[in-house]
Full PDB file with SEQRES, HELIX, SHEET, SSBOND, CRYST1, ORIGX, SCALE, CONECT and MASTER records, all heavy atoms in Angstrom:
SEQRES   1 A   43  GLY GLY GLY ILE ILE ASP ALA HIS GLY MET ASP THR ALA          
SEQRES   2 A   43  ALA SER GLY ARG LEU GLY GLU TRP ILE PRO LEU GLY GLY          
SEQRES   3 A   43  ALA ALA SER ALA TYR HIS ASP GLN GLN PRO GLY VAL LEU          
SEQRES   4 A   43  ALA SER THR ARG                                              
SHEET    1 AA1 2 GLN A  35  PRO A  36  0                                        
SHEET    2 AA1 2 SER A  41  THR A  42 -1                                        
CRYST1    1.000    1.000    1.000  90.00  90.00  90.00 P 1           1          
ORIGX1      1.000000  0.000000  0.000000        0.00000                         
ORIGX2      0.000000  1.000000  0.000000        0.00000                         
ORIGX3      0.000000  0.000000  1.000000        0.00000                         
SCALE1      1.000000  0.000000  0.000000        0.00000                         
SCALE2      0.000000  1.000000  0.000000        0.00000                         
SCALE3      0.000000  0.000000  1.000000        0.00000                         
ATOM      1  N   GLY A   1     -35.340  29.568 -12.044  1.00  0.00           N  
ATOM      2  CA  GLY A   1     -35.570  30.937 -12.494  1.00  0.00           C  
ATOM      3  C   GLY A   1     -36.232  31.784 -11.456  1.00  0.00           C  
ATOM      4  O   GLY A   1     -36.241  31.431 -10.212  1.00  0.00           O  
ATOM      5  N   GLY A   2     -36.783  32.886 -11.833  1.00  0.00           N  
ATOM      6  CA  GLY A   2     -37.505  33.750 -10.921  1.00  0.00           C  
ATOM      7  C   GLY A   2     -36.604  34.518  -9.975  1.00  0.00           C  
ATOM      8  O   GLY A   2     -37.042  35.019  -8.930  1.00  0.00           O  
ATOM      9  N   GLY A   3     -35.297  34.647 -10.311  1.00  0.00           N  
ATOM     10  CA  GLY A   3     -34.407  35.387  -9.428  1.00  0.00           C  
ATOM     11  C   GLY A   3     -34.005  34.629  -8.139  1.00  0.00           C  
ATOM     12  O   GLY A   3     -33.502  35.201  -7.220  1.00  0.00           O  
ATOM     13  N   ILE A   4     -34.277  33.285  -8.125  1.00  0.00           N  
ATOM     14  CA  ILE A   4     -33.939  32.508  -6.934  1.00  0.00           C  
ATOM     15  C   ILE A   4     -32.470  32.147  -6.981  1.00  0.00           C  
ATOM     16  O   ILE A   4     -31.893  31.802  -8.003  1.00  0.00           O  
ATOM     17  CB  ILE A   4     -34.777  31.184  -6.913  1.00  0.00           C  
ATOM     18  CG1 ILE A   4     -36.263  31.563  -6.839  1.00  0.00           C  
ATOM     19  CG2 ILE A   4     -34.369  30.339  -5.750  1.00  0.00           C  
ATOM     20  CD1 ILE A   4     -37.140  30.364  -6.947  1.00  0.00           C  
ATOM     21  N   ILE A   5     -31.770  32.300  -5.841  1.00  0.00           N  
ATOM     22  CA  ILE A   5     -30.342  32.011  -5.702  1.00  0.00           C  
ATOM     23  C   ILE A   5     -30.181  30.766  -4.786  1.00  0.00           C  
ATOM     24  O   ILE A   5     -30.682  30.729  -3.646  1.00  0.00           O  
ATOM     25  CB  ILE A   5     -29.602  33.182  -5.067  1.00  0.00           C  
ATOM     26  CG1 ILE A   5     -29.698  34.423  -6.025  1.00  0.00           C  
ATOM     27  CG2 ILE A   5     -28.131  32.838  -4.892  1.00  0.00           C  
ATOM     28  CD1 ILE A   5     -29.059  35.657  -5.466  1.00  0.00           C  
ATOM     29  N   ASP A   6     -29.541  29.752  -5.284  1.00  0.00           N  
ATOM     30  CA  ASP A   6     -29.211  28.543  -4.525  1.00  0.00           C  
ATOM     31  C   ASP A   6     -27.909  28.842  -3.745  1.00  0.00           C  
ATOM     32  O   ASP A   6     -26.859  29.152  -4.355  1.00  0.00           O  
ATOM     33  CB  ASP A   6     -29.027  27.317  -5.378  1.00  0.00           C  
ATOM     34  CG  ASP A   6     -30.279  26.900  -6.018  1.00  0.00           C  
ATOM     35  OD1 ASP A   6     -31.376  27.130  -5.474  1.00  0.00           O  
ATOM     36  OD2 ASP A   6     -30.235  26.324  -7.174  1.00  0.00           O  
ATOM     37  N   ALA A   7     -27.983  28.826  -2.445  1.00  0.00           N  
ATOM     38  CA  ALA A   7     -26.834  29.181  -1.589  1.00  0.00           C  
ATOM     39  C   ALA A   7     -26.289  27.966  -0.837  1.00  0.00           C  
ATOM     40  O   ALA A   7     -27.042  27.147  -0.334  1.00  0.00           O  
ATOM     41  CB  ALA A   7     -27.207  30.277  -0.559  1.00  0.00           C  
ATOM     42  N   HIS A   8     -24.997  27.824  -0.814  1.00  0.00           N  
ATOM     43  CA  HIS A   8     -24.348  26.760  -0.100  1.00  0.00           C  
ATOM     44  C   HIS A   8     -23.116  27.360   0.633  1.00  0.00           C  
ATOM     45  O   HIS A   8     -22.458  28.222   0.104  1.00  0.00           O  
ATOM     46  CB  HIS A   8     -23.800  25.625  -1.023  1.00  0.00           C  
ATOM     47  CG  HIS A   8     -24.784  25.088  -1.958  1.00  0.00           C  
ATOM     48  ND1 HIS A   8     -25.178  25.760  -3.140  1.00  0.00           N  
ATOM     49  CD2 HIS A   8     -25.612  23.966  -1.898  1.00  0.00           C  
ATOM     50  CE1 HIS A   8     -26.083  25.038  -3.761  1.00  0.00           C  
ATOM     51  NE2 HIS A   8     -26.373  23.957  -3.032  1.00  0.00           N  
ATOM     52  N   GLY A   9     -22.854  26.871   1.857  1.00  0.00           N  
ATOM     53  CA  GLY A   9     -21.720  27.437   2.577  1.00  0.00           C  
ATOM     54  C   GLY A   9     -21.629  26.869   3.984  1.00  0.00           C  
ATOM     55  O   GLY A   9     -22.529  26.155   4.458  1.00  0.00           O  
ATOM     56  N   MET A  10     -20.563  27.209   4.679  1.00  0.00           N  
ATOM     57  CA  MET A  10     -20.344  26.773   6.027  1.00  0.00           C  
ATOM     58  C   MET A  10     -19.328  27.693   6.686  1.00  0.00           C  
ATOM     59  O   MET A  10     -18.620  28.450   6.032  1.00  0.00           O  
ATOM     60  CB  MET A  10     -19.872  25.289   6.111  1.00  0.00           C  
ATOM     61  CG  MET A  10     -18.526  25.064   5.488  1.00  0.00           C  
ATOM     62  SD  MET A  10     -17.991  23.315   5.662  1.00  0.00           S  
ATOM     63  CE  MET A  10     -19.223  22.505   4.650  1.00  0.00           C  
ATOM     64  N   ASP A  11     -19.298  27.649   8.018  1.00  0.00           N  
ATOM     65  CA  ASP A  11     -18.327  28.410   8.814  1.00  0.00           C  
ATOM     66  C   ASP A  11     -17.842  27.468   9.873  1.00  0.00           C  
ATOM     67  O   ASP A  11     -18.569  27.084  10.765  1.00  0.00           O  
ATOM     68  CB  ASP A  11     -19.052  29.613   9.427  1.00  0.00           C  
ATOM     69  CG  ASP A  11     -18.072  30.526  10.165  1.00  0.00           C  
ATOM     70  OD1 ASP A  11     -16.875  30.290  10.149  1.00  0.00           O  
ATOM     71  OD2 ASP A  11     -18.542  31.565  10.728  1.00  0.00           O  
ATOM     72  N   THR A  12     -16.560  27.119   9.840  1.00  0.00           N  
ATOM     73  CA  THR A  12     -16.031  26.070  10.727  1.00  0.00           C  
ATOM     74  C   THR A  12     -14.566  26.250  11.025  1.00  0.00           C  
ATOM     75  O   THR A  12     -13.883  27.086  10.383  1.00  0.00           O  
ATOM     76  CB  THR A  12     -16.254  24.695  10.066  1.00  0.00           C  
ATOM     77  OG1 THR A  12     -15.879  23.654  10.980  1.00  0.00           O  
ATOM     78  CG2 THR A  12     -15.436  24.530   8.799  1.00  0.00           C  
ATOM     79  N   ALA A  13     -14.096  25.506  11.992  1.00  0.00           N  
ATOM     80  CA  ALA A  13     -12.649  25.423  12.322  1.00  0.00           C  
ATOM     81  C   ALA A  13     -12.239  23.938  12.164  1.00  0.00           C  
ATOM     82  O   ALA A  13     -12.972  23.035  12.550  1.00  0.00           O  
ATOM     83  CB  ALA A  13     -12.384  25.899  13.741  1.00  0.00           C  
ATOM     84  N   ALA A  14     -11.107  23.772  11.500  1.00  0.00           N  
ATOM     85  CA  ALA A  14     -10.661  22.416  11.214  1.00  0.00           C  
ATOM     86  C   ALA A  14      -9.160  22.338  11.310  1.00  0.00           C  
ATOM     87  O   ALA A  14      -8.465  23.334  11.296  1.00  0.00           O  
ATOM     88  CB  ALA A  14     -11.108  21.927   9.849  1.00  0.00           C  
ATOM     89  N   SER A  15      -8.609  21.163  11.425  1.00  0.00           N  
ATOM     90  CA  SER A  15      -7.144  20.951  11.459  1.00  0.00           C  
ATOM     91  C   SER A  15      -6.810  19.677  10.731  1.00  0.00           C  
ATOM     92  O   SER A  15      -7.665  18.719  10.658  1.00  0.00           O  
ATOM     93  CB  SER A  15      -6.627  20.932  12.901  1.00  0.00           C  
ATOM     94  OG  SER A  15      -7.213  19.869  13.620  1.00  0.00           O  
ATOM     95  N   GLY A  16      -5.625  19.567  10.239  1.00  0.00           N  
ATOM     96  CA  GLY A  16      -5.165  18.385   9.539  1.00  0.00           C  
ATOM     97  C   GLY A  16      -3.694  18.514   9.216  1.00  0.00           C  
ATOM     98  O   GLY A  16      -3.039  19.536   9.552  1.00  0.00           O  
ATOM     99  N   ARG A  17      -3.196  17.558   8.497  1.00  0.00           N  
ATOM    100  CA  ARG A  17      -1.777  17.529   8.108  1.00  0.00           C  
ATOM    101  C   ARG A  17      -1.522  18.346   6.873  1.00  0.00           C  
ATOM    102  O   ARG A  17      -2.352  18.416   5.986  1.00  0.00           O  
ATOM    103  CB  ARG A  17      -1.260  16.077   7.927  1.00  0.00           C  
ATOM    104  CG  ARG A  17      -1.341  15.240   9.178  1.00  0.00           C  
ATOM    105  CD  ARG A  17      -0.910  13.825   8.885  1.00  0.00           C  
ATOM    106  NE  ARG A  17       0.474  13.751   8.422  1.00  0.00           N  
ATOM    107  CZ  ARG A  17       1.564  13.704   9.195  1.00  0.00           C  
ATOM    108  NH1 ARG A  17       1.366  13.667  10.502  1.00  0.00           N  
ATOM    109  NH2 ARG A  17       2.781  13.598   8.707  1.00  0.00           N  
ATOM    110  N   LEU A  18      -0.393  18.980   6.821  1.00  0.00           N  
ATOM    111  CA  LEU A  18      -0.013  19.785   5.651  1.00  0.00           C  
ATOM    112  C   LEU A  18       0.071  18.870   4.440  1.00  0.00           C  
ATOM    113  O   LEU A  18       0.615  17.727   4.521  1.00  0.00           O  
ATOM    114  CB  LEU A  18       1.333  20.499   5.917  1.00  0.00           C  
ATOM    115  CG  LEU A  18       1.296  21.650   6.869  1.00  0.00           C  
ATOM    116  CD1 LEU A  18       2.715  22.083   7.233  1.00  0.00           C  
ATOM    117  CD2 LEU A  18       0.527  22.842   6.310  1.00  0.00           C  
ATOM    118  N   GLY A  19      -0.361  19.331   3.286  1.00  0.00           N  
ATOM    119  CA  GLY A  19      -0.224  18.603   2.054  1.00  0.00           C  
ATOM    120  C   GLY A  19      -1.320  17.523   1.827  1.00  0.00           C  
ATOM    121  O   GLY A  19      -1.273  16.861   0.830  1.00  0.00           O  
ATOM    122  N   GLU A  20      -2.263  17.382   2.752  1.00  0.00           N  
ATOM    123  CA  GLU A  20      -3.291  16.345   2.586  1.00  0.00           C  
ATOM    124  C   GLU A  20      -4.676  17.016   2.513  1.00  0.00           C  
ATOM    125  O   GLU A  20      -4.886  18.085   3.086  1.00  0.00           O  
ATOM    126  CB  GLU A  20      -3.255  15.370   3.799  1.00  0.00           C  
ATOM    127  CG  GLU A  20      -2.005  14.571   3.902  1.00  0.00           C  
ATOM    128  CD  GLU A  20      -2.053  13.593   5.039  1.00  0.00           C  
ATOM    129  OE1 GLU A  20      -3.061  13.580   5.787  1.00  0.00           O  
ATOM    130  OE2 GLU A  20      -1.041  12.838   5.230  1.00  0.00           O  
ATOM    131  N   TRP A  21      -5.568  16.359   1.788  1.00  0.00           N  
ATOM    132  CA  TRP A  21      -6.923  16.897   1.679  1.00  0.00           C  
ATOM    133  C   TRP A  21      -7.645  16.665   3.030  1.00  0.00           C  
ATOM    134  O   TRP A  21      -7.658  15.571   3.546  1.00  0.00           O  
ATOM    135  CB  TRP A  21      -7.670  16.218   0.545  1.00  0.00           C  
ATOM    136  CG  TRP A  21      -7.296  16.717  -0.783  1.00  0.00           C  
ATOM    137  CD1 TRP A  21      -6.517  16.089  -1.728  1.00  0.00           C  
ATOM    138  CD2 TRP A  21      -7.657  17.959  -1.401  1.00  0.00           C  
ATOM    139  NE1 TRP A  21      -6.383  16.855  -2.869  1.00  0.00           N  
ATOM    140  CE2 TRP A  21      -7.081  18.023  -2.708  1.00  0.00           C  
ATOM    141  CE3 TRP A  21      -8.454  19.031  -0.991  1.00  0.00           C  
ATOM    142  CZ2 TRP A  21      -7.281  19.089  -3.540  1.00  0.00           C  
ATOM    143  CZ3 TRP A  21      -8.645  20.118  -1.841  1.00  0.00           C  
ATOM    144  CH2 TRP A  21      -8.054  20.143  -3.090  1.00  0.00           C  
ATOM    145  N   ILE A  22      -8.280  17.735   3.489  1.00  0.00           N  
ATOM    146  CA  ILE A  22      -9.023  17.705   4.786  1.00  0.00           C  
ATOM    147  C   ILE A  22     -10.495  17.876   4.522  1.00  0.00           C  
ATOM    148  O   ILE A  22     -10.898  18.872   3.919  1.00  0.00           O  
ATOM    149  CB  ILE A  22      -8.537  18.831   5.715  1.00  0.00           C  
ATOM    150  CG1 ILE A  22      -7.033  18.762   5.952  1.00  0.00           C  
ATOM    151  CG2 ILE A  22      -9.272  18.730   7.079  1.00  0.00           C  
ATOM    152  CD1 ILE A  22      -6.436  19.974   6.622  1.00  0.00           C  
ATOM    153  N   PRO A  23     -11.352  16.959   4.856  1.00  0.00           N  
ATOM    154  CA  PRO A  23     -12.806  17.122   4.643  1.00  0.00           C  
ATOM    155  C   PRO A  23     -13.369  18.117   5.666  1.00  0.00           C  
ATOM    156  O   PRO A  23     -13.145  18.008   6.854  1.00  0.00           O  
ATOM    157  CB  PRO A  23     -13.378  15.711   4.892  1.00  0.00           C  
ATOM    158  CG  PRO A  23     -12.380  15.055   5.771  1.00  0.00           C  
ATOM    159  CD  PRO A  23     -11.018  15.614   5.455  1.00  0.00           C  
ATOM    160  N   LEU A  24     -14.060  19.122   5.149  1.00  0.00           N  
ATOM    161  CA  LEU A  24     -14.661  20.104   6.025  1.00  0.00           C  
ATOM    162  C   LEU A  24     -16.123  19.821   6.365  1.00  0.00           C  
ATOM    163  O   LEU A  24     -16.597  20.245   7.441  1.00  0.00           O  
ATOM    164  CB  LEU A  24     -14.604  21.513   5.342  1.00  0.00           C  
ATOM    165  CG  LEU A  24     -13.208  22.088   5.128  1.00  0.00           C  
ATOM    166  CD1 LEU A  24     -13.272  23.495   4.534  1.00  0.00           C  
ATOM    167  CD2 LEU A  24     -12.407  22.157   6.476  1.00  0.00           C  
ATOM    168  N   GLY A  25     -16.827  19.105   5.499  1.00  0.00           N  
ATOM    169  CA  GLY A  25     -18.226  18.799   5.769  1.00  0.00           C  
ATOM    170  C   GLY A  25     -19.071  18.846   4.490  1.00  0.00           C  
ATOM    171  O   GLY A  25     -18.510  19.016   3.400  1.00  0.00           O  
ATOM    172  N   GLY A  26     -20.339  18.767   4.644  1.00  0.00           N  
ATOM    173  CA  GLY A  26     -21.215  18.803   3.456  1.00  0.00           C  
ATOM    174  C   GLY A  26     -22.668  18.672   3.876  1.00  0.00           C  
ATOM    175  O   GLY A  26     -23.008  18.672   5.100  1.00  0.00           O  
ATOM    176  N   ALA A  27     -23.512  18.548   2.904  1.00  0.00           N  
ATOM    177  CA  ALA A  27     -24.935  18.435   3.161  1.00  0.00           C  
ATOM    178  C   ALA A  27     -25.546  17.635   2.025  1.00  0.00           C  
ATOM    179  O   ALA A  27     -25.098  17.659   0.885  1.00  0.00           O  
ATOM    180  CB  ALA A  27     -25.609  19.776   3.261  1.00  0.00           C  
ATOM    181  N   ALA A  28     -26.658  16.937   2.378  1.00  0.00           N  
ATOM    182  CA  ALA A  28     -27.433  16.177   1.311  1.00  0.00           C  
ATOM    183  C   ALA A  28     -28.893  16.340   1.613  1.00  0.00           C  
ATOM    184  O   ALA A  28     -29.324  16.372   2.803  1.00  0.00           O  
ATOM    185  CB  ALA A  28     -26.980  14.690   1.360  1.00  0.00           C  
ATOM    186  N   SER A  29     -29.644  16.463   0.518  1.00  0.00           N  
ATOM    187  CA  SER A  29     -31.089  16.635   0.664  1.00  0.00           C  
ATOM    188  C   SER A  29     -31.785  15.901  -0.451  1.00  0.00           C  
ATOM    189  O   SER A  29     -31.229  15.666  -1.527  1.00  0.00           O  
ATOM    190  CB  SER A  29     -31.490  18.110   0.659  1.00  0.00           C  
ATOM    191  OG  SER A  29     -31.115  18.715  -0.527  1.00  0.00           O  
ATOM    192  N   ALA A  30     -32.990  15.491  -0.191  1.00  0.00           N  
ATOM    193  CA  ALA A  30     -33.823  14.790  -1.257  1.00  0.00           C  
ATOM    194  C   ALA A  30     -35.269  15.188  -1.003  1.00  0.00           C  
ATOM    195  O   ALA A  30     -35.696  15.457   0.090  1.00  0.00           O  
ATOM    196  CB  ALA A  30     -33.611  13.293  -1.145  1.00  0.00           C  
ATOM    197  N   TYR A  31     -36.042  15.136  -2.075  1.00  0.00           N  
ATOM    198  CA  TYR A  31     -37.444  15.432  -1.982  1.00  0.00           C  
ATOM    199  C   TYR A  31     -38.232  14.481  -2.910  1.00  0.00           C  
ATOM    200  O   TYR A  31     -37.751  14.011  -3.955  1.00  0.00           O  
ATOM    201  CB  TYR A  31     -37.784  16.892  -2.324  1.00  0.00           C  
ATOM    202  CG  TYR A  31     -37.487  17.261  -3.773  1.00  0.00           C  
ATOM    203  CD1 TYR A  31     -38.408  17.111  -4.779  1.00  0.00           C  
ATOM    204  CD2 TYR A  31     -36.240  17.791  -4.109  1.00  0.00           C  
ATOM    205  CE1 TYR A  31     -38.132  17.487  -6.080  1.00  0.00           C  
ATOM    206  CE2 TYR A  31     -35.955  18.129  -5.437  1.00  0.00           C  
ATOM    207  CZ  TYR A  31     -36.895  17.966  -6.396  1.00  0.00           C  
ATOM    208  OH  TYR A  31     -36.656  18.319  -7.670  1.00  0.00           O  
ATOM    209  N   HIS A  32     -39.486  14.211  -2.542  1.00  0.00           N  
ATOM    210  CA  HIS A  32     -40.363  13.368  -3.296  1.00  0.00           C  
ATOM    211  C   HIS A  32     -41.763  13.894  -3.056  1.00  0.00           C  
ATOM    212  O   HIS A  32     -42.261  13.971  -1.956  1.00  0.00           O  
ATOM    213  CB  HIS A  32     -40.242  11.931  -2.916  1.00  0.00           C  
ATOM    214  CG  HIS A  32     -41.177  11.043  -3.688  1.00  0.00           C  
ATOM    215  ND1 HIS A  32     -40.898  10.592  -4.955  1.00  0.00           N  
ATOM    216  CD2 HIS A  32     -42.397  10.514  -3.386  1.00  0.00           C  
ATOM    217  CE1 HIS A  32     -41.889   9.843  -5.399  1.00  0.00           C  
ATOM    218  NE2 HIS A  32     -42.829   9.744  -4.429  1.00  0.00           N  
ATOM    219  N   ASP A  33     -42.461  14.299  -4.161  1.00  0.00           N  
ATOM    220  CA  ASP A  33     -43.776  14.867  -4.068  1.00  0.00           C  
ATOM    221  C   ASP A  33     -44.669  14.232  -5.110  1.00  0.00           C  
ATOM    222  O   ASP A  33     -44.297  14.129  -6.273  1.00  0.00           O  
ATOM    223  CB  ASP A  33     -43.704  16.373  -4.292  1.00  0.00           C  
ATOM    224  CG  ASP A  33     -45.071  17.035  -4.193  1.00  0.00           C  
ATOM    225  OD1 ASP A  33     -45.898  16.573  -3.397  1.00  0.00           O  
ATOM    226  OD2 ASP A  33     -45.303  17.972  -4.999  1.00  0.00           O  
ATOM    227  N   GLN A  34     -45.837  13.768  -4.686  1.00  0.00           N  
ATOM    228  CA  GLN A  34     -46.769  13.108  -5.581  1.00  0.00           C  
ATOM    229  C   GLN A  34     -48.189  13.699  -5.295  1.00  0.00           C  
ATOM    230  O   GLN A  34     -48.618  13.765  -4.161  1.00  0.00           O  
ATOM    231  CB  GLN A  34     -46.791  11.618  -5.437  1.00  0.00           C  
ATOM    232  CG  GLN A  34     -47.672  10.886  -6.416  1.00  0.00           C  
ATOM    233  CD  GLN A  34     -47.497   9.395  -6.411  1.00  0.00           C  
ATOM    234  OE1 GLN A  34     -46.642   8.866  -5.726  1.00  0.00           O  
ATOM    235  NE2 GLN A  34     -48.236   8.687  -7.246  1.00  0.00           N  
ATOM    236  N   GLN A  35     -48.879  14.105  -6.390  1.00  0.00           N  
ATOM    237  CA  GLN A  35     -50.223  14.635  -6.267  1.00  0.00           C  
ATOM    238  C   GLN A  35     -51.111  13.798  -7.128  1.00  0.00           C  
ATOM    239  O   GLN A  35     -51.279  14.020  -8.330  1.00  0.00           O  
ATOM    240  CB  GLN A  35     -50.247  16.087  -6.735  1.00  0.00           C  
ATOM    241  CG  GLN A  35     -49.368  17.007  -5.882  1.00  0.00           C  
ATOM    242  CD  GLN A  35     -49.408  18.449  -6.388  1.00  0.00           C  
ATOM    243  OE1 GLN A  35     -49.933  18.743  -7.470  1.00  0.00           O  
ATOM    244  NE2 GLN A  35     -48.791  19.345  -5.637  1.00  0.00           N  
ATOM    245  N   PRO A  36     -51.705  12.741  -6.537  1.00  0.00           N  
ATOM    246  CA  PRO A  36     -52.565  11.868  -7.350  1.00  0.00           C  
ATOM    247  C   PRO A  36     -53.949  12.472  -7.548  1.00  0.00           C  
ATOM    248  O   PRO A  36     -54.414  13.306  -6.752  1.00  0.00           O  
ATOM    249  CB  PRO A  36     -52.675  10.598  -6.513  1.00  0.00           C  
ATOM    250  CG  PRO A  36     -52.468  11.079  -5.100  1.00  0.00           C  
ATOM    251  CD  PRO A  36     -51.539  12.280  -5.189  1.00  0.00           C  
ATOM    252  N   GLY A  37     -54.569  12.147  -8.624  1.00  0.00           N  
ATOM    253  CA  GLY A  37     -55.940  12.558  -8.956  1.00  0.00           C  
ATOM    254  C   GLY A  37     -56.709  11.445  -9.569  1.00  0.00           C  
ATOM    255  O   GLY A  37     -56.173  10.373  -9.797  1.00  0.00           O  
ATOM    256  N   VAL A  38     -57.959  11.701  -9.873  1.00  0.00           N  
ATOM    257  CA  VAL A  38     -58.785  10.697 -10.481  1.00  0.00           C  
ATOM    258  C   VAL A  38     -58.270  10.323 -11.911  1.00  0.00           C  
ATOM    259  O   VAL A  38     -58.085   9.166 -12.275  1.00  0.00           O  
ATOM    260  CB  VAL A  38     -60.254  11.154 -10.555  1.00  0.00           C  
ATOM    261  CG1 VAL A  38     -61.119  10.104 -11.250  1.00  0.00           C  
ATOM    262  CG2 VAL A  38     -60.793  11.386  -9.121  1.00  0.00           C  
ATOM    263  N   LEU A  39     -58.033  11.362 -12.739  1.00  0.00           N  
ATOM    264  CA  LEU A  39     -57.607  11.134 -14.087  1.00  0.00           C  
ATOM    265  C   LEU A  39     -56.297  11.857 -14.410  1.00  0.00           C  
ATOM    266  O   LEU A  39     -55.895  11.943 -15.546  1.00  0.00           O  
ATOM    267  CB  LEU A  39     -58.682  11.598 -15.049  1.00  0.00           C  
ATOM    268  CG  LEU A  39     -60.012  10.816 -15.025  1.00  0.00           C  
ATOM    269  CD1 LEU A  39     -61.015  11.477 -15.973  1.00  0.00           C  
ATOM    270  CD2 LEU A  39     -59.775   9.388 -15.345  1.00  0.00           C  
ATOM    271  N   ALA A  40     -55.615  12.347 -13.319  1.00  0.00           N  
ATOM    272  CA  ALA A  40     -54.359  13.088 -13.548  1.00  0.00           C  
ATOM    273  C   ALA A  40     -53.453  12.918 -12.316  1.00  0.00           C  
ATOM    274  O   ALA A  40     -53.982  12.764 -11.204  1.00  0.00           O  
ATOM    275  CB  ALA A  40     -54.620  14.563 -13.802  1.00  0.00           C  
ATOM    276  N   SER A  41     -52.190  12.895 -12.520  1.00  0.00           N  
ATOM    277  CA  SER A  41     -51.281  12.790 -11.398  1.00  0.00           C  
ATOM    278  C   SER A  41     -49.960  13.487 -11.808  1.00  0.00           C  
ATOM    279  O   SER A  41     -49.598  13.570 -12.951  1.00  0.00           O  
ATOM    280  CB  SER A  41     -50.994  11.326 -11.096  1.00  0.00           C  
ATOM    281  OG  SER A  41     -50.330  10.677 -12.146  1.00  0.00           O  
ATOM    282  N   THR A  42     -49.321  14.027 -10.743  1.00  0.00           N  
ATOM    283  CA  THR A  42     -48.031  14.699 -10.942  1.00  0.00           C  
ATOM    284  C   THR A  42     -47.095  14.224  -9.886  1.00  0.00           C  
ATOM    285  O   THR A  42     -47.413  14.022  -8.717  1.00  0.00           O  
ATOM    286  CB  THR A  42     -48.223  16.247 -10.758  1.00  0.00           C  
ATOM    287  OG1 THR A  42     -49.207  16.738 -11.672  1.00  0.00           O  
ATOM    288  CG2 THR A  42     -46.911  16.950 -10.940  1.00  0.00           C  
ATOM    289  N   ARG A  43     -45.833  13.923 -10.347  1.00  0.00           N  
ATOM    290  CA  ARG A  43     -44.801  13.389  -9.468  1.00  0.00           C  
ATOM    291  C   ARG A  43     -43.533  14.198  -9.659  1.00  0.00           C  
ATOM    292  O   ARG A  43     -43.152  14.525 -10.804  1.00  0.00           O  
ATOM    293  CB  ARG A  43     -44.506  11.936  -9.748  1.00  0.00           C  
ATOM    294  CG  ARG A  43     -45.682  10.983  -9.430  1.00  0.00           C  
ATOM    295  CD  ARG A  43     -45.346   9.551  -9.741  1.00  0.00           C  
ATOM    296  NE  ARG A  43     -45.228   9.351 -11.193  1.00  0.00           N  
ATOM    297  CZ  ARG A  43     -46.258   9.160 -12.002  1.00  0.00           C  
ATOM    298  NH1 ARG A  43     -47.479   9.197 -11.551  1.00  0.00           N  
ATOM    299  NH2 ARG A  43     -46.065   8.959 -13.278  1.00  0.00           N  
TER     300      ARG A  43                                                      
MASTER        0    0    0    0    2    0    0    6  299    1    0    4          
END                                                                             
């Protein structure tokens, strides 16, 4: 929320055979956050 926009895209040149699926690329990301406390923790 908050008016945030998730953006994905690329700008590339590629070649392949007609009639076949050609992979253009992609991206992968991961995050892990932990805030330990004496009597409370958030993960």
